[in-house]
Amino acid sequence: MSLPEVLKTALDQIKYIAKTETVFGEPVKAGDMTIIPISKVSIGFAAGGTNNEKSSGSGTGTGGGVQITPVALISIVEDKVRIHSLEKGDETLGKIMAMAPDIFKKISDFIDKGKKEREKKDSNQEK
């Protein structure tokens, strides 16, 4: 196969992979909600060849890779459309949420301790 034929075949495959349906996935219905996945398509491609007229040797080759990464969802409920990002963002909120049970426990213990101290003080004053 000649280099132009190899390139044409490879580019045809890239066009097939990078079509709109790959970026915007098939809509999924769940009750009155429709969800459409959105992906990022990354493609790497290389080709090369040689045709040495002085000798009988020639060769061609191609290589490539495709990466498809989900990046967002579109949700449609009635007439409301929202985009929900799936990309890694600021982790501060996640860290706070992970610490929340411990923080609530400490606050609760502090309030209980204050309440017990007030009750003890009130009972001592009544005597």
Protein backbone atom coordinates (compact mmCIF):
# COMPACT_ATOMS: atom_id res chain seq x y z
CA MET A 1 0.00 0.00 0.00
CA SER A 2 1.42 3.42 -0.94
CA LEU A 3 1.86 6.25 1.55
CA PRO A 4 -1.06 8.28 0.11
CA GLU A 5 -3.33 5.23 0.43
CA VAL A 6 -2.19 4.62 4.01
CA LEU A 7 -2.80 8.28 4.89
CA LYS A 8 -6.24 8.26 3.29
CA THR A 9 -7.24 5.11 5.20
CA ALA A 10 -5.95 6.53 8.50
CA LEU A 11 -7.66 9.88 8.00
CA ASP A 12 -10.94 8.16 7.09
CA GLN A 13 -10.77 6.25 10.38
CA ILE A 14 -10.02 9.45 12.31
CA LYS A 15 -13.06 11.14 10.71
CA TYR A 16 -15.17 8.16 11.75
CA ILE A 17 -13.96 8.26 15.37
CA ALA A 18 -14.18 12.05 15.74
CA LYS A 19 -17.75 12.32 14.48
CA THR A 20 -20.34 14.42 16.27
CA GLU A 21 -21.95 11.34 17.84
CA THR A 22 -18.68 10.61 19.69
CA VAL A 23 -18.52 14.10 21.20
CA PHE A 24 -22.26 14.34 21.93
CA GLY A 25 -23.39 10.87 23.03
CA GLU A 26 -26.78 9.27 22.54
CA PRO A 27 -29.48 10.93 24.68
CA VAL A 28 -30.67 8.83 27.62
CA LYS A 29 -34.24 9.25 28.92
CA ALA A 30 -34.99 8.78 32.61
CA GLY A 31 -38.59 9.68 33.40
CA ASP A 32 -39.13 13.28 32.32
CA MET A 33 -35.36 13.95 32.19
CA THR A 34 -33.10 13.58 29.18
CA ILE A 35 -29.33 13.32 29.70
CA ILE A 36 -26.79 13.84 26.91
CA PRO A 37 -23.14 12.95 27.63
CA ILE A 38 -20.40 15.20 26.23
CA SER A 39 -16.86 13.89 25.66
CA LYS A 40 -13.52 15.34 24.67
CA VAL A 41 -11.85 13.47 21.82
CA SER A 42 -8.04 13.63 21.60
CA ILE A 43 -6.29 12.15 18.59
CA GLY A 44 -2.58 11.66 17.94
CA PHE A 45 -1.38 10.56 14.52
CA ALA A 46 1.88 10.05 12.67
CA ALA A 47 2.75 8.65 9.27
CA GLY A 48 5.90 8.15 7.27
CA GLY A 49 7.31 6.32 4.34
CA THR A 50 10.14 5.98 1.95
CA ASN A 51 10.54 5.05 -1.66
CA ASN A 52 14.17 4.57 -2.56
CA GLU A 53 14.45 4.50 -6.36
CA LYS A 54 18.12 3.36 -6.25
CA SER A 55 17.21 0.14 -4.49
CA SER A 56 14.15 -2.00 -4.47
CA GLY A 57 13.29 -1.09 -0.88
CA SER A 58 10.35 1.02 0.16
CA GLY A 59 8.04 1.16 3.12
CA THR A 60 5.25 3.04 4.77
CA GLY A 61 3.85 3.13 8.26
CA THR A 62 1.35 4.91 10.43
CA GLY A 63 0.56 5.04 14.09
CA GLY A 64 -1.89 6.80 16.26
CA GLY A 65 -4.09 6.81 19.29
CA VAL A 66 -7.45 8.09 20.40
CA GLN A 67 -8.57 9.11 23.88
CA ILE A 68 -12.22 9.80 24.67
CA THR A 69 -12.84 11.50 28.03
CA PRO A 70 -16.30 12.34 29.44
CA VAL A 71 -16.29 16.04 30.40
CA ALA A 72 -19.92 17.04 30.98
CA LEU A 73 -23.58 16.10 30.92
CA ILE A 74 -26.47 18.10 29.53
CA SER A 75 -29.70 17.59 31.46
CA ILE A 76 -33.04 18.59 30.00
CA VAL A 77 -36.12 18.64 32.23
CA GLU A 78 -39.22 20.12 30.65
CA ASP A 79 -37.92 23.43 29.24
CA LYS A 80 -34.86 23.74 31.52
CA VAL A 81 -31.43 22.87 30.10
CA ARG A 82 -28.38 22.64 32.39
CA ILE A 83 -24.76 21.66 31.79
CA HIS A 84 -23.04 19.68 34.56
CA SER A 85 -19.24 19.64 34.37
CA LEU A 86 -17.46 16.38 35.21
CA GLU A 87 -13.98 17.84 35.09
CA LYS A 88 -11.93 17.97 38.25
CA GLY A 89 -12.31 21.38 39.81
CA ASP A 90 -11.49 23.02 43.08
CA GLU A 91 -11.18 20.33 45.73
CA THR A 92 -11.76 22.70 48.66
CA LEU A 93 -15.49 22.05 48.84
CA GLY A 94 -14.90 18.28 48.68
CA LYS A 95 -12.42 18.48 51.55
CA ILE A 96 -14.86 20.54 53.63
CA MET A 97 -17.66 18.05 52.95
CA ALA A 98 -15.37 15.16 53.92
CA MET A 99 -14.56 16.93 57.21
CA ALA A 100 -18.20 17.89 57.89
CA PRO A 101 -19.11 14.93 60.15
CA ASP A 102 -16.08 15.61 62.37
CA ILE A 103 -16.82 19.34 62.47
CA PHE A 104 -20.48 18.74 63.39
CA LYS A 105 -19.41 16.30 66.14
CA LYS A 106 -17.02 18.89 67.63
CA ILE A 107 -19.69 21.61 67.51
CA SER A 108 -22.24 19.28 69.10
CA ASP A 109 -19.77 18.29 71.85
CA PHE A 110 -18.99 21.98 72.49
CA ILE A 111 -22.69 22.86 72.77
CA ASP A 112 -23.34 19.88 75.08
CA LYS A 113 -20.38 20.83 77.27
CA GLY A 114 -21.64 24.43 77.54
CA LYS A 115 -25.14 23.20 78.35
CA LYS A 116 -23.84 20.89 81.12
CA GLU A 117 -21.71 23.68 82.59
CA ARG A 118 -24.72 26.06 82.64
CA GLU A 119 -26.91 23.38 84.26
CA LYS A 120 -24.21 22.71 86.88
CA LYS A 121 -23.84 26.46 87.54
CA ASP A 122 -27.62 26.89 87.80
CA SER A 123 -27.94 23.97 90.23
CA ASN A 124 -25.10 25.36 92.39
CA GLN A 125 -26.79 28.79 92.52
CA GLU A 126 -30.10 27.24 93.65
CA LYS A 127 -28.43 25.70 96.70
